[in-house]
């Protein structure tokens, strides 16, 4: 999830991220050319509920895929590829595989992403996005 001051700022930021990723991937694989094809998925989140669902999706999406593949509830562990180690909206601290490195995410600036979403409850690390919340 990203925040931007407007469409132009978002577009410039996403272009910059795409270039950095392409340079890194091309350096590792000794190749040239584009890496990311198409555009990013843009969806403006306008309500606390939408933001809450998006946070759960971003942080816990690996759980959804585990359940689909294995037909069972996944273990309650942080996805090592997510920013969950720095997230301060957990209902209870999720077990971590290792100590998180220094903070790698920016603080939220908008009300909805800072506080508004909490109206619908903190995120439980045992939730599976796209399913019903675990109670």
C-alpha atoms as a PDB file:
ATOM      1  CA  UNK A   1       0.000   0.000   0.000  1.00  0.00           C
ATOM      2  CA  UNK A   2       1.236   3.449  -0.811  1.00  0.00           C
ATOM      3  CA  UNK A   3       0.142   6.979  -0.057  1.00  0.00           C
ATOM      4  CA  UNK A   4       0.690   9.844  -2.483  1.00  0.00           C
ATOM      5  CA  UNK A   5      -0.219  13.511  -2.703  1.00  0.00           C
ATOM      6  CA  UNK A   6      -1.935  12.957  -6.060  1.00  0.00           C
ATOM      7  CA  UNK A   7      -1.967  11.045  -9.343  1.00  0.00           C
ATOM      8  CA  UNK A   8       1.234  12.618 -10.661  1.00  0.00           C
ATOM      9  CA  UNK A   9       3.180  11.931  -7.465  1.00  0.00           C
ATOM     10  CA  UNK A  10       1.926   8.344  -7.391  1.00  0.00           C
ATOM     11  CA  UNK A  11       2.829   7.815 -11.047  1.00  0.00           C
ATOM     12  CA  UNK A  12       6.350   9.196 -10.549  1.00  0.00           C
ATOM     13  CA  UNK A  13       6.854   7.090  -7.428  1.00  0.00           C
ATOM     14  CA  UNK A  14       5.687   3.887  -9.079  1.00  0.00           C
ATOM     15  CA  UNK A  15       7.859   4.559 -12.123  1.00  0.00           C
ATOM     16  CA  UNK A  16      10.850   5.057  -9.830  1.00  0.00           C
ATOM     17  CA  UNK A  17      10.157   1.799  -7.981  1.00  0.00           C
ATOM     18  CA  UNK A  18       9.802  -0.054 -11.296  1.00  0.00           C
ATOM     19  CA  UNK A  19      13.143   1.280 -12.525  1.00  0.00           C
ATOM     20  CA  UNK A  20      14.924   0.314  -9.282  1.00  0.00           C
ATOM     21  CA  UNK A  21      13.477  -3.212  -9.407  1.00  0.00           C
ATOM     22  CA  UNK A  22      14.396  -3.624 -13.077  1.00  0.00           C
ATOM     23  CA  UNK A  23      17.977  -2.459 -12.483  1.00  0.00           C
ATOM     24  CA  UNK A  24      18.412  -4.830  -9.546  1.00  0.00           C
ATOM     25  CA  UNK A  25      16.902  -7.835 -11.353  1.00  0.00           C
ATOM     26  CA  UNK A  26      18.883  -7.151 -14.528  1.00  0.00           C
ATOM     27  CA  UNK A  27      22.110  -6.789 -12.512  1.00  0.00           C
ATOM     28  CA  UNK A  28      21.537 -10.126 -10.738  1.00  0.00           C
ATOM     29  CA  UNK A  29      20.663 -11.991 -13.944  1.00  0.00           C
ATOM     30  CA  UNK A  30      23.124 -10.185 -16.208  1.00  0.00           C
ATOM     31  CA  UNK A  31      20.457  -9.031 -18.635  1.00  0.00           C
ATOM     32  CA  UNK A  32      18.948  -5.819 -20.032  1.00  0.00           C
ATOM     33  CA  UNK A  33      15.473  -4.557 -20.688  1.00  0.00           C
ATOM     34  CA  UNK A  34      12.149  -4.182 -18.918  1.00  0.00           C
ATOM     35  CA  UNK A  35      11.205  -6.468 -16.051  1.00  0.00           C
ATOM     36  CA  UNK A  36       7.746  -5.328 -15.006  1.00  0.00           C
ATOM     37  CA  UNK A  37       5.067  -5.344 -17.653  1.00  0.00           C
ATOM     38  CA  UNK A  38       1.788  -3.490 -17.379  1.00  0.00           C
ATOM     39  CA  UNK A  39       0.731  -1.119 -14.663  1.00  0.00           C
ATOM     40  CA  UNK A  40       0.305  -1.291 -10.946  1.00  0.00           C
ATOM     41  CA  UNK A  41      -3.143  -1.930  -9.510  1.00  0.00           C
ATOM     42  CA  UNK A  42      -4.652   1.382  -8.429  1.00  0.00           C
ATOM     43  CA  UNK A  43      -7.552   1.421  -6.034  1.00  0.00           C
ATOM     44  CA  UNK A  44      -8.313   4.451  -3.916  1.00  0.00           C
ATOM     45  CA  UNK A  45      -9.424   3.356  -0.451  1.00  0.00           C
ATOM     46  CA  UNK A  46     -12.073   5.712   0.894  1.00  0.00           C
ATOM     47  CA  UNK A  47     -13.500   4.076   4.023  1.00  0.00           C
ATOM     48  CA  UNK A  48     -12.035   2.670   7.236  1.00  0.00           C
ATOM     49  CA  UNK A  49     -13.429  -0.774   6.370  1.00  0.00           C
ATOM     50  CA  UNK A  50     -11.724  -0.793   2.944  1.00  0.00           C
ATOM     51  CA  UNK A  51      -8.402   0.184   4.521  1.00  0.00           C
ATOM     52  CA  UNK A  52      -8.728  -2.490   7.213  1.00  0.00           C
ATOM     53  CA  UNK A  53      -9.456  -5.193   4.606  1.00  0.00           C
ATOM     54  CA  UNK A  54      -6.558  -3.992   2.425  1.00  0.00           C
ATOM     55  CA  UNK A  55      -4.122  -4.106   5.354  1.00  0.00           C
ATOM     56  CA  UNK A  56      -5.168  -7.663   6.215  1.00  0.00           C
ATOM     57  CA  UNK A  57      -4.838  -8.650   2.547  1.00  0.00           C
ATOM     58  CA  UNK A  58      -1.363  -7.155   2.150  1.00  0.00           C
ATOM     59  CA  UNK A  59      -0.023  -8.550   5.426  1.00  0.00           C
ATOM     60  CA  UNK A  60      -1.673 -11.974   5.388  1.00  0.00           C
ATOM     61  CA  UNK A  61      -2.130 -12.860   1.712  1.00  0.00           C
ATOM     62  CA  UNK A  62       0.268 -15.825   1.954  1.00  0.00           C
ATOM     63  CA  UNK A  63      -2.220 -17.458   4.381  1.00  0.00           C
ATOM     64  CA  UNK A  64      -4.957 -17.357   1.734  1.00  0.00           C
ATOM     65  CA  UNK A  65      -2.735 -19.086  -0.811  1.00  0.00           C
ATOM     66  CA  UNK A  66      -1.631 -21.707   1.730  1.00  0.00           C
ATOM     67  CA  UNK A  67      -5.261 -22.552   2.514  1.00  0.00           C
ATOM     68  CA  UNK A  68      -6.098 -22.871  -1.192  1.00  0.00           C
ATOM     69  CA  UNK A  69      -3.100 -25.121  -1.861  1.00  0.00           C
ATOM     70  CA  UNK A  70      -3.276 -27.304   1.235  1.00  0.00           C
ATOM     71  CA  UNK A  71      -6.938 -27.194   2.220  1.00  0.00           C
ATOM     72  CA  UNK A  72      -6.049 -26.488   5.837  1.00  0.00           C
ATOM     73  CA  UNK A  73      -5.354 -23.522   8.050  1.00  0.00           C
ATOM     74  CA  UNK A  74      -1.791 -22.278   7.646  1.00  0.00           C
ATOM     75  CA  UNK A  75       0.576 -21.831  10.567  1.00  0.00           C
ATOM     76  CA  UNK A  76       0.407 -18.439  12.242  1.00  0.00           C
ATOM     77  CA  UNK A  77       3.732 -16.970  11.133  1.00  0.00           C
ATOM     78  CA  UNK A  78       4.675 -13.695   9.530  1.00  0.00           C
ATOM     79  CA  UNK A  79       5.266 -13.840   5.802  1.00  0.00           C
ATOM     80  CA  UNK A  80       8.971 -13.021   5.496  1.00  0.00           C
ATOM     81  CA  UNK A  81       8.214 -11.002   2.345  1.00  0.00           C
ATOM     82  CA  UNK A  82       5.677  -8.746   4.080  1.00  0.00           C
ATOM     83  CA  UNK A  83       6.109  -5.645   6.209  1.00  0.00           C
ATOM     84  CA  UNK A  84       4.286  -7.324   9.091  1.00  0.00           C
ATOM     85  CA  UNK A  85       7.300  -7.121  11.388  1.00  0.00           C
ATOM     86  CA  UNK A  86       6.896  -3.329  11.533  1.00  0.00           C
ATOM     87  CA  UNK A  87       3.080  -3.206  11.609  1.00  0.00           C
ATOM     88  CA  UNK A  88       1.691  -1.778  14.868  1.00  0.00           C
ATOM     89  CA  UNK A  89      -1.928  -2.818  14.405  1.00  0.00           C
ATOM     90  CA  UNK A  90      -1.766  -6.499  15.368  1.00  0.00           C
ATOM     91  CA  UNK A  91      -4.427  -7.805  17.737  1.00  0.00           C
ATOM     92  CA  UNK A  92      -1.697  -9.967  19.291  1.00  0.00           C
ATOM     93  CA  UNK A  93       1.952 -10.138  18.287  1.00  0.00           C
ATOM     94  CA  UNK A  94       2.508 -12.741  15.571  1.00  0.00           C
ATOM     95  CA  UNK A  95       5.363 -15.197  16.009  1.00  0.00           C
ATOM     96  CA  UNK A  96       8.365 -13.988  14.038  1.00  0.00           C
ATOM     97  CA  UNK A  97      10.932 -16.220  12.371  1.00  0.00           C
ATOM     98  CA  UNK A  98      13.716 -13.851  13.346  1.00  0.00           C
ATOM     99  CA  UNK A  99      14.241 -10.366  14.783  1.00  0.00           C
ATOM    100  CA  UNK A 100      13.188  -7.682  12.296  1.00  0.00           C
ATOM    101  CA  UNK A 101      15.865  -5.499  10.752  1.00  0.00           C
ATOM    102  CA  UNK A 102      15.665  -1.712  11.193  1.00  0.00           C
ATOM    103  CA  UNK A 103      12.305  -0.227  10.212  1.00  0.00           C
ATOM    104  CA  UNK A 104      11.812  -0.429   6.450  1.00  0.00           C
ATOM    105  CA  UNK A 105       8.422   1.228   6.112  1.00  0.00           C
ATOM    106  CA  UNK A 106       7.297   4.842   6.298  1.00  0.00           C
ATOM    107  CA  UNK A 107       4.776   6.037   8.856  1.00  0.00           C
ATOM    108  CA  UNK A 108       1.267   6.538   7.510  1.00  0.00           C
ATOM    109  CA  UNK A 109       0.205  10.141   6.903  1.00  0.00           C
ATOM    110  CA  UNK A 110      -3.522   9.868   6.198  1.00  0.00           C
ATOM    111  CA  UNK A 111      -6.081   9.530   8.978  1.00  0.00           C
ATOM    112  CA  UNK A 112      -7.590   6.370   7.450  1.00  0.00           C
ATOM    113  CA  UNK A 113      -4.252   4.559   7.373  1.00  0.00           C
ATOM    114  CA  UNK A 114      -3.031   5.875  10.738  1.00  0.00           C
ATOM    115  CA  UNK A 115      -6.150   5.460  12.891  1.00  0.00           C
ATOM    116  CA  UNK A 116      -9.427   5.276  10.972  1.00  0.00           C
ATOM    117  CA  UNK A 117      -9.224   1.593  10.029  1.00  0.00           C
ATOM    118  CA  UNK A 118      -8.883   0.569  13.699  1.00  0.00           C
ATOM    119  CA  UNK A 119     -12.613   1.241  14.116  1.00  0.00           C
ATOM    120  CA  UNK A 120     -13.122  -2.226  12.577  1.00  0.00           C
ATOM    121  CA  UNK A 121     -10.674  -4.026  14.855  1.00  0.00           C
ATOM    122  CA  UNK A 122      -6.997  -4.774  14.955  1.00  0.00           C
ATOM    123  CA  UNK A 123      -5.663  -7.386  12.553  1.00  0.00           C
ATOM    124  CA  UNK A 124      -5.406 -10.890  13.977  1.00  0.00           C
ATOM    125  CA  UNK A 125      -2.367 -12.762  12.621  1.00  0.00           C
ATOM    126  CA  UNK A 126      -4.552 -15.890  12.379  1.00  0.00           C
ATOM    127  CA  UNK A 127      -6.972 -14.263   9.893  1.00  0.00           C
ATOM    128  CA  UNK A 128      -7.105 -15.461   6.323  1.00  0.00           C
ATOM    129  CA  UNK A 129      -7.920 -12.679   3.832  1.00  0.00           C
ATOM    130  CA  UNK A 130     -10.944 -13.336   1.708  1.00  0.00           C
ATOM    131  CA  UNK A 131     -12.439 -15.572   4.370  1.00  0.00           C
ATOM    132  CA  UNK A 132     -14.264 -14.892   7.564  1.00  0.00           C
ATOM    133  CA  UNK A 133     -12.256 -13.407  10.438  1.00  0.00           C
ATOM    134  CA  UNK A 134     -11.070 -15.854  13.054  1.00  0.00           C
ATOM    135  CA  UNK A 135     -12.837 -15.236  16.362  1.00  0.00           C
END
